[in-house]
Amino acid sequence: MTFEQTYLNDNILDALYDMHFEDMTPIQEKCIPEILDGHDVLGVAQTGTGKTAAYLLPILSMLDDGSYPDDAINCVIMAPTRELAQQIDQAMEGFSYYLHNVSSIAVYGGNDGQRFDQETKSLRGGAPVVIATPGRLLSHLKMGSLDLSRTSFFVLDEADRMLDMGFSDDIMQINKLLPHDCQKVMFSATMPAKIRELAVSLLRKPVEVKLKVSRPAEKIRQQAYLCYDPQKLQVIEHLFQAGDLSRVIIFCGKKDRVKDIDRQLRRLKINSAPMHSDLSQSERDDVMYRFKAGQVDVLVATDIVARGIDIDDIRIVINFDVPHDAEDYVHRIGRTARADRDGQAITFVNERDILRFKQIEHFLGKEVEKLPLPEGLGEGPGYHSAAPAAEANGRRRHDRRRPDNHRGGKGRGRKDKGRASKE
């Protein structure tokens, strides 16, 4: 299905044409018509499926068509991290190129007071679209910088990540300030019970769109080392001695481990830099700039980089520890083998993570190649002797553009609150 077959307005279609967007992704095909029809939507889709466009395009089309107040915050998009907020803002710039009265402001923490003052001034005058992290949005609300009582659209992007980062109370506090008829869209990469509960609290009779988590690209060569924790850094040292491993991301589950590994890599004269939530915004921007520019060879990061950051030339992803689930594994290694490049993903599996890694292999539908430890490092933990995940679980249970005369011209947004008809 093409974008021209929807009721997105001409200005949006012109921008998509300039950007060479033609066919919609499955999440866009399912979500765009529902949002244009005014439904609340719960979307479950992983990063890289085109979900940002799935909610931005219909909302921008309706804002451009409709009679929305110039002095109000018409749409709020919440993102868990500054990096994702910046990425959404960049996408907004492209999609809204021909929309003369629809602009956005991104507000997020980790910057100086001058930036906060600039945000305050912009918000008090009203803004069609505000893209914000929860903490920063609450700060402005407490300062009286913005009023959400006339907000028409509210989007939660990567809701699961927000809950993981402890933003549940913030989300509910913000939700109480929204009008009853505010149209809401919520996206999550996974659907655990807590996300289902949040959806019940926030959404009104939502249309649920769920895409299965895609398996990693075949171009990614997936490998693993069975090793004890003290052997992991020695394996990394061996890998760097064996070849040029520039453009590498090493993922860790905790920020303290990121800091420790970065320090140890530096002692080994490895050109690395850390990326974690304790860094200020300017520090994180500087790290990403230097990594993208090739000034840093190795980025040691928490999962904050696994979602919302587009870096096309990553050669190798190393999982210093096994991700908590298959979805996180796919997000991590999906940073490599992009833009028609090949890539490699290496995971270190210690004795405690064997069952978890077996579950990931079960999702992949194949066994990941196990590499022998470098000579001199001794033996690692056994793998095939460990109980398969299913058995262990069992024991726990029992013991392009169309002609102008065919365009849809106007979106089909809601007709309430005195807005112009979209039909």
Protein backbone atom coordinates (compact mmCIF):
# COMPACT_ATOMS: atom_id res chain seq x y z
CA MET A 1 0.00 0.00 0.00
CA THR A 2 1.30 3.46 -0.90
CA PHE A 3 0.99 6.70 1.06
CA GLU A 4 -1.06 8.18 -1.81
CA GLN A 5 -3.79 5.61 -1.13
CA THR A 6 -4.41 7.12 2.31
CA TYR A 7 -6.18 10.35 3.26
CA LEU A 8 -2.94 12.13 4.15
CA ASN A 9 -3.18 15.65 2.78
CA ASP A 10 -1.33 17.06 -0.24
CA ASN A 11 1.33 18.88 1.77
CA ILE A 12 2.34 15.70 3.57
CA LEU A 13 2.35 13.72 0.32
CA ASP A 14 4.55 16.37 -1.32
CA ALA A 15 7.09 16.05 1.48
CA LEU A 16 7.04 12.25 1.25
CA TYR A 17 7.52 12.47 -2.52
CA ASP A 18 10.58 14.69 -2.05
CA MET A 19 11.95 12.22 0.49
CA HIS A 20 11.34 9.26 -1.89
CA PHE A 21 8.87 7.61 0.49
CA GLU A 22 6.46 5.46 -1.51
CA ASP A 23 5.35 2.17 0.01
CA MET A 24 4.28 2.05 3.62
CA THR A 25 5.70 -0.35 6.15
CA PRO A 26 3.21 -2.75 7.81
CA ILE A 27 2.96 -0.65 10.98
CA GLN A 28 2.29 2.50 8.92
CA GLU A 29 -0.31 0.75 6.78
CA LYS A 30 -2.21 -0.42 9.85
CA CYS A 31 -1.86 2.69 12.06
CA ILE A 32 -2.17 5.70 9.73
CA PRO A 33 -5.82 5.11 8.69
CA GLU A 34 -6.88 4.40 12.28
CA ILE A 35 -5.26 7.57 13.62
CA LEU A 36 -6.75 9.63 10.77
CA ASP A 37 -10.16 8.23 11.76
CA GLY A 38 -9.68 9.53 15.30
CA HIS A 39 -9.13 6.24 17.12
CA ASP A 40 -6.79 5.75 20.03
CA VAL A 41 -4.10 3.30 18.93
CA LEU A 42 -1.89 0.85 20.78
CA GLY A 43 0.99 -0.18 18.54
CA VAL A 44 3.46 -2.93 19.33
CA ALA A 45 6.44 -2.78 17.01
CA GLN A 46 10.19 -2.81 17.36
CA THR A 47 12.61 -0.07 16.38
CA GLY A 48 13.26 0.19 12.64
CA THR A 49 9.69 -0.61 11.53
CA GLY A 50 8.77 3.00 10.70
CA LYS A 51 6.61 3.66 13.75
CA THR A 52 7.66 7.33 14.05
CA ALA A 53 6.12 8.07 10.65
CA ALA A 54 3.14 5.88 11.59
CA TYR A 55 1.98 8.44 14.15
CA LEU A 56 3.65 11.67 12.95
CA LEU A 57 2.21 11.65 9.43
CA PRO A 58 -1.50 11.37 10.30
CA ILE A 59 -1.22 13.81 13.21
CA LEU A 60 0.64 16.39 11.12
CA SER A 61 -1.88 15.95 8.31
CA MET A 62 -4.79 16.61 10.68
CA LEU A 63 -3.04 19.58 12.31
CA ASP A 64 -2.43 21.07 8.86
CA ASP A 65 -6.05 20.52 7.79
CA GLY A 66 -7.83 21.35 11.01
CA SER A 67 -8.81 24.53 12.84
CA TYR A 68 -6.64 24.02 15.89
CA PRO A 69 -5.87 26.98 18.19
CA ASP A 70 -2.67 28.86 17.46
CA ASP A 71 -1.97 29.55 21.14
CA ALA A 72 -2.32 25.97 22.39
CA ILE A 73 -0.09 22.91 22.70
CA ASN A 74 -1.92 20.81 20.11
CA CYS A 75 0.21 17.68 20.27
CA VAL A 76 2.55 16.25 22.89
CA ILE A 77 4.94 13.44 21.97
CA MET A 78 6.77 11.86 24.88
CA ALA A 79 9.99 9.90 24.45
CA PRO A 80 12.08 8.16 27.13
CA THR A 81 15.44 9.66 26.14
CA ARG A 82 16.87 12.90 24.81
CA GLU A 83 18.33 11.05 21.84
CA LEU A 84 14.95 9.69 20.74
CA ALA A 85 13.32 13.11 21.25
CA GLN A 86 15.96 14.65 19.00
CA GLN A 87 15.44 11.95 16.38
CA ILE A 88 11.65 12.49 16.36
CA ASP A 89 12.24 16.24 16.01
CA GLN A 90 14.50 15.62 13.01
CA ALA A 91 11.86 13.41 11.38
CA MET A 92 9.29 16.13 12.07
CA GLU A 93 11.41 18.66 10.13
CA GLY A 94 11.30 16.52 7.00
CA PHE A 95 7.63 15.53 7.15
CA SER A 96 6.45 19.10 7.91
CA TYR A 97 8.51 20.84 5.21
CA TYR A 98 5.40 22.08 3.37
CA LEU A 99 3.35 22.71 6.51
CA HIS A 100 3.66 26.45 7.08
CA ASN A 101 1.71 26.58 10.34
CA VAL A 102 2.87 23.35 11.98
CA SER A 103 6.20 23.37 13.79
CA SER A 104 7.72 21.59 16.75
CA ILE A 105 9.83 22.25 19.80
CA ALA A 106 11.88 19.56 21.51
CA VAL A 107 12.33 19.87 25.27
CA TYR A 108 14.65 17.62 27.23
CA GLY A 109 16.93 17.78 30.23
CA GLY A 110 20.67 17.71 30.57
CA ASN A 111 21.36 21.17 29.21
CA ASP A 112 22.00 24.62 30.66
CA GLY A 113 19.56 27.14 32.10
CA GLN A 114 19.65 29.26 28.96
CA ARG A 115 18.15 26.38 26.99
CA PHE A 116 15.42 25.96 29.62
CA ASP A 117 14.59 29.69 29.38
CA GLN A 118 14.36 29.43 25.58
CA GLU A 119 12.03 26.44 25.90
CA THR A 120 9.87 28.33 28.40
CA LYS A 121 9.47 31.31 26.07
CA SER A 122 8.51 29.08 23.13
CA LEU A 123 6.05 27.01 25.16
CA ARG A 124 4.21 29.97 26.67
CA GLY A 125 3.40 31.24 23.19
CA GLY A 126 1.88 27.89 22.24
CA ALA A 127 3.41 25.27 19.98
CA PRO A 128 1.68 22.94 17.52
CA VAL A 129 3.89 19.99 18.51
CA VAL A 130 5.95 19.50 21.66
CA ILE A 131 8.40 16.58 21.77
CA ALA A 132 9.57 15.98 25.31
CA THR A 133 11.09 13.65 27.85
CA PRO A 134 8.83 13.10 30.89
CA GLY A 135 11.02 14.82 33.46
CA ARG A 136 11.54 17.96 31.39
CA LEU A 137 7.84 18.20 30.54
CA LEU A 138 6.94 17.97 34.22
CA SER A 139 9.48 20.67 35.06
CA HIS A 140 7.81 23.06 32.61
CA LEU A 141 4.36 22.13 33.91
CA LYS A 142 5.41 22.91 37.48
CA MET A 143 6.85 26.24 36.33
CA GLY A 144 3.58 27.09 34.58
CA SER A 145 5.25 27.21 31.18
CA LEU A 146 2.59 25.24 29.35
CA ASP A 147 -1.07 24.31 29.50
CA LEU A 148 -2.24 20.90 28.30
CA SER A 149 -5.97 21.53 28.77
CA ARG A 150 -6.51 22.04 25.02
CA THR A 151 -4.12 19.37 23.77
CA SER A 152 -5.66 17.29 20.97
CA PHE A 153 -3.06 14.55 20.51
CA PHE A 154 -0.87 12.71 23.01
CA VAL A 155 1.75 10.15 21.92
CA LEU A 156 3.81 7.83 24.11
CA ASP A 157 6.76 6.45 22.14
CA GLU A 158 8.68 3.46 23.49
CA ALA A 159 6.37 3.15 26.46
CA ASP A 160 8.07 -0.01 27.69
CA ARG A 161 11.40 1.77 27.91
CA MET A 162 9.74 4.63 29.82
CA LEU A 163 8.37 2.22 32.39
CA ASP A 164 11.76 0.50 32.69
CA MET A 165 13.29 3.92 33.42
CA GLY A 166 10.78 4.63 36.20
CA PHE A 167 8.55 7.17 34.43
CA SER A 168 5.21 5.51 35.23
CA ASP A 169 4.12 8.05 37.85
CA ASP A 170 5.25 10.94 35.62
CA ILE A 171 3.17 9.61 32.74
CA MET A 172 0.05 9.29 34.87
CA GLN A 173 0.57 12.76 36.33
CA ILE A 174 0.80 14.26 32.84
CA ASN A 175 -2.20 12.26 31.64
CA LYS A 176 -4.41 13.83 34.33
CA LEU A 177 -3.77 17.27 32.79
CA LEU A 178 -5.03 16.24 29.34
CA PRO A 179 -8.62 16.83 28.18
CA HIS A 180 -10.96 13.86 28.18
CA ASP A 181 -11.32 13.82 24.38
CA CYS A 182 -7.58 13.98 23.66
CA GLN A 183 -6.68 11.35 21.05
CA LYS A 184 -3.89 9.12 22.33
CA VAL A 185 -1.39 6.88 20.62
CA MET A 186 0.95 4.55 22.47
CA PHE A 187 3.84 2.55 21.01
CA SER A 188 5.85 -0.16 22.69
CA ALA A 189 8.38 -2.67 21.43
CA THR A 190 7.05 -5.31 23.81
CA MET A 191 3.73 -6.05 25.53
CA PRO A 192 4.35 -7.17 29.13
CA ALA A 193 1.56 -6.98 31.70
CA LYS A 194 2.62 -3.53 32.91
CA ILE A 195 2.26 -2.08 29.40
CA ARG A 196 -1.19 -3.63 29.09
CA GLU A 197 -2.16 -2.02 32.41
CA LEU A 198 -0.84 1.36 31.25
CA ALA A 199 -2.80 1.10 28.02
CA VAL A 200 -6.01 0.37 29.95
CA SER A 201 -5.37 3.46 32.09
CA LEU A 202 -4.58 5.83 29.22
CA LEU A 203 -6.45 4.74 26.09
CA ARG A 204 -10.14 4.71 25.18
CA LYS A 205 -11.24 1.65 23.21
CA PRO A 206 -7.91 1.54 21.37
CA VAL A 207 -7.29 -0.16 18.06
CA GLU A 208 -4.47 -2.58 18.77
CA VAL A 209 -1.83 -3.12 16.11
CA LYS A 210 0.79 -5.73 16.90
CA LEU A 211 3.68 -6.81 14.70
CA LYS A 212 5.76 -9.82 15.50
CA VAL A 213 9.35 -9.08 16.45
CA SER A 214 11.46 -9.59 13.35
CA ARG A 215 14.39 -11.90 13.48
CA PRO A 216 17.78 -10.24 12.93
CA ALA A 217 18.93 -9.62 9.38
CA GLU A 218 20.60 -12.60 7.76
CA LYS A 219 23.57 -10.36 6.96
CA ILE A 220 24.46 -10.28 10.65
CA ARG A 221 26.96 -13.00 11.54
CA GLN A 222 25.93 -14.03 15.04
CA GLN A 223 28.52 -15.64 17.30
CA ALA A 224 29.03 -16.25 20.99
CA TYR A 225 31.79 -16.98 23.48
CA LEU A 226 31.08 -19.13 26.53
CA CYS A 227 33.18 -17.41 29.16
CA TYR A 228 33.32 -16.51 32.82
CA ASP A 229 33.14 -12.83 33.72
CA PRO A 230 36.90 -12.43 34.34
CA GLN A 231 37.58 -13.80 30.82
CA LYS A 232 35.35 -11.32 28.95
CA LEU A 233 37.77 -8.39 28.83
CA GLN A 234 40.57 -10.76 27.82
CA VAL A 235 38.46 -11.91 24.86
CA ILE A 236 37.90 -8.27 23.84
CA GLU A 237 41.62 -7.60 24.06
CA HIS A 238 42.27 -10.65 21.85
CA LEU A 239 39.66 -9.48 19.31
CA PHE A 240 41.29 -6.06 19.04
CA GLN A 241 44.75 -7.55 18.68
CA ALA A 242 43.49 -9.87 15.93
CA GLY A 243 42.21 -7.13 13.63
CA ASP A 244 40.92 -3.62 13.08
CA LEU A 245 37.74 -3.43 15.12
CA SER A 246 36.82 0.20 14.64
CA ARG A 247 33.07 1.09 14.55
CA VAL A 248 32.23 -1.16 17.49
CA ILE A 249 29.46 -0.88 20.10
CA ILE A 250 29.80 -2.83 23.34
CA PHE A 251 26.47 -3.15 25.14
CA CYS A 252 26.20 -3.61 28.89
CA GLY A 253 23.15 -3.97 31.08
CA LYS A 254 24.17 -1.41 33.72
CA LYS A 255 25.78 2.02 33.61
CA ASP A 256 28.28 1.16 36.36
CA ARG A 257 29.58 -1.68 34.23
CA VAL A 258 29.81 0.67 31.23
CA LYS A 259 32.03 2.99 33.25
CA ASP A 260 34.22 0.13 34.47
CA ILE A 261 34.67 -1.45 31.03
CA ASP A 262 35.49 1.92 29.45
CA ARG A 263 38.18 2.51 32.08
CA GLN A 264 39.69 -0.92 31.47
CA LEU A 265 39.65 -0.45 27.68
CA ARG A 266 41.45 2.85 28.06
CA ARG A 267 44.13 1.13 30.14
CA LEU A 268 44.54 -1.24 27.20
CA LYS A 269 45.07 1.81 24.93
CA ILE A 270 41.77 1.13 23.18
CA ASN A 271 40.12 4.30 21.85
CA SER A 272 36.76 4.04 23.60
CA ALA A 273 34.08 6.32 25.05
CA PRO A 274 31.16 5.62 27.41
CA MET A 275 27.48 6.40 26.79
CA HIS A 276 25.10 6.22 29.75
CA SER A 277 22.43 8.21 31.57
CA ASP A 278 24.81 9.89 34.04
CA LEU A 279 26.35 11.97 31.24
CA SER A 280 25.02 15.46 30.62
CA GLN A 281 23.32 16.18 27.31
CA SER A 282 26.35 18.10 26.01
CA GLU A 283 28.61 15.20 26.99
CA ARG A 284 26.39 12.66 25.26
CA ASP A 285 26.16 14.83 22.14
CA ASP A 286 29.95 15.12 22.11
CA VAL A 287 30.44 11.36 22.46
CA MET A 288 28.00 10.60 19.63
CA TYR A 289 29.57 13.26 17.41
CA ARG A 290 33.08 11.86 17.95
CA PHE A 291 31.91 8.29 17.41
CA LYS A 292 30.04 9.11 14.20
CA ALA A 293 33.05 11.13 12.98
CA GLY A 294 35.39 8.19 13.54
CA GLN A 295 37.29 9.90 16.36
CA VAL A 296 36.22 7.12 18.73
CA ASP A 297 36.60 3.47 17.73
CA VAL A 298 34.54 1.78 20.44
CA LEU A 299 31.34 2.98 22.09
CA VAL A 300 30.56 1.31 25.41
CA ALA A 301 26.89 1.83 26.11
CA THR A 302 23.77 0.84 27.96
CA ASP A 303 20.62 -0.01 26.02
CA ILE A 304 19.93 3.72 25.66
CA VAL A 305 21.78 3.41 22.31
CA ALA A 306 19.97 0.25 21.21
CA ARG A 307 16.80 2.24 20.52
CA GLY A 308 16.35 5.63 18.90
CA ILE A 309 19.87 6.13 17.52
CA ASP A 310 20.59 5.69 13.81
CA ILE A 311 24.24 4.89 13.02
CA ASP A 312 24.55 3.10 9.70
CA ASP A 313 28.17 1.91 9.62
CA ILE A 314 28.55 -0.16 12.79
CA ARG A 315 30.70 -3.18 11.98
CA ILE A 316 30.49 -5.14 15.21
CA VAL A 317 28.15 -5.27 18.16
CA ILE A 318 29.42 -6.98 21.31
CA ASN A 319 26.97 -7.98 24.01
CA PHE A 320 29.15 -7.92 27.13
CA ASP A 321 26.26 -9.58 28.87
CA VAL A 322 23.24 -11.45 27.52
CA PRO A 323 20.21 -9.17 27.03
CA HIS A 324 17.16 -9.84 29.19
CA ASP A 325 15.03 -11.10 26.30
CA ALA A 326 14.95 -11.76 22.57
CA GLU A 327 13.49 -8.33 21.81
CA ASP A 328 16.40 -6.56 23.49
CA TYR A 329 18.83 -8.88 21.69
CA VAL A 330 17.29 -7.97 18.34
CA HIS A 331 17.41 -4.24 19.16
CA ARG A 332 21.05 -4.43 20.15
CA ILE A 333 22.46 -6.39 17.25
CA GLY A 334 20.21 -4.51 14.84
CA ARG A 335 22.64 -1.58 15.13
CA THR A 336 24.91 -3.44 12.68
CA ALA A 337 24.36 -4.70 9.10
CA ARG A 338 22.40 -1.58 8.16
CA ALA A 339 22.23 0.24 4.81
CA ASP A 340 23.10 -2.94 2.88
CA ARG A 341 26.28 -3.55 4.90
CA ASP A 342 27.39 -6.77 6.51
CA GLY A 343 27.80 -6.96 10.27
CA GLN A 344 28.89 -9.12 13.15
CA ALA A 345 27.32 -9.66 16.57
CA ILE A 346 29.26 -11.32 19.40
CA THR A 347 27.68 -12.24 22.71
CA PHE A 348 29.52 -13.21 25.90
CA VAL A 349 27.58 -15.93 27.74
CA ASN A 350 28.56 -16.71 31.31
CA GLU A 351 27.34 -19.64 33.38
CA ARG A 352 24.36 -17.68 34.76
CA ASP A 353 23.12 -16.56 31.32
CA ILE A 354 23.12 -19.88 29.49
CA LEU A 355 19.40 -20.58 29.90
CA ARG A 356 18.54 -17.01 28.88
CA PHE A 357 20.69 -17.33 25.75
CA LYS A 358 19.04 -20.64 24.92
CA GLN A 359 15.70 -18.84 24.97
CA ILE A 360 17.08 -16.27 22.53
CA GLU A 361 18.27 -19.09 20.27
CA HIS A 362 14.80 -20.63 20.45
CA PHE A 363 13.34 -17.32 19.22
CA LEU A 364 15.97 -17.14 16.45
CA GLY A 365 15.13 -20.68 15.37
CA LYS A 366 18.77 -21.66 15.27
CA GLU A 367 21.81 -22.18 17.42
CA VAL A 368 24.28 -19.31 17.43
CA GLU A 369 27.84 -20.28 16.47
CA LYS A 370 30.01 -20.80 19.56
CA LEU A 371 33.62 -19.69 19.21
CA PRO A 372 36.49 -21.29 21.14
CA LEU A 373 38.16 -19.09 23.72
CA PRO A 374 41.54 -17.69 22.69
CA GLU A 375 44.53 -19.80 23.64
CA GLY A 376 45.71 -19.25 27.16
CA LEU A 377 42.36 -18.19 28.65
CA GLY A 378 41.46 -21.63 29.93
CA GLU A 379 38.06 -23.28 29.70
CA GLY A 380 34.69 -21.58 29.74
CA PRO A 381 31.42 -22.91 31.16
CA GLY A 382 29.74 -25.87 29.47
CA TYR A 383 26.73 -25.13 27.29
CA HIS A 384 25.05 -28.29 26.09
CA SER A 385 25.16 -29.77 29.56
CA ALA A 386 22.85 -27.00 30.80
CA ALA A 387 19.14 -27.77 30.82
CA PRO A 388 17.21 -26.40 27.85
CA ALA A 389 15.09 -23.39 28.66
CA ALA A 390 11.82 -25.26 28.09
CA GLU A 391 12.83 -28.04 30.52
CA ALA A 392 13.92 -25.51 33.13
CA ASN A 393 10.65 -23.67 32.82
CA GLY A 394 8.79 -26.94 33.15
CA ARG A 395 10.59 -27.82 36.38
CA ARG A 396 9.77 -24.39 37.81
CA ARG A 397 6.13 -24.93 36.98
CA HIS A 398 5.92 -28.30 38.59
CA ASP A 399 8.39 -28.23 41.70
CA ARG A 400 5.15 6.51 -5.12
CA ARG A 401 2.87 9.42 -5.96
CA ARG A 402 -0.54 9.03 -7.70
CA PRO A 403 -2.17 11.51 -10.18
CA ASP A 404 -3.51 14.66 -8.53
CA ASN A 405 -7.09 13.82 -9.36
CA HIS A 406 -6.84 10.67 -7.22
CA ARG A 407 -5.38 12.21 -4.13
CA GLY A 408 -7.28 12.18 -0.92
CA GLY A 409 -6.60 15.91 -0.37
CA LYS A 410 -7.93 16.04 3.19
CA GLY A 411 -7.44 13.82 6.19
CA ARG A 412 -10.38 12.13 7.89
CA GLY A 413 -9.77 13.50 11.35
CA ARG A 414 -12.44 13.95 13.97
CA LYS A 415 -15.17 16.55 13.47
CA ASP A 416 -15.63 17.39 17.13
CA LYS A 417 -14.73 20.57 19.02
CA GLY A 418 -15.69 22.72 16.04
CA ARG A 419 -12.89 21.57 13.81
CA ALA A 420 -13.14 21.63 10.06
CA SER A 421 -14.37 18.42 8.46
CA LYS A 422 -11.65 16.21 7.04
CA GLU A 423 -13.93 14.42 4.59
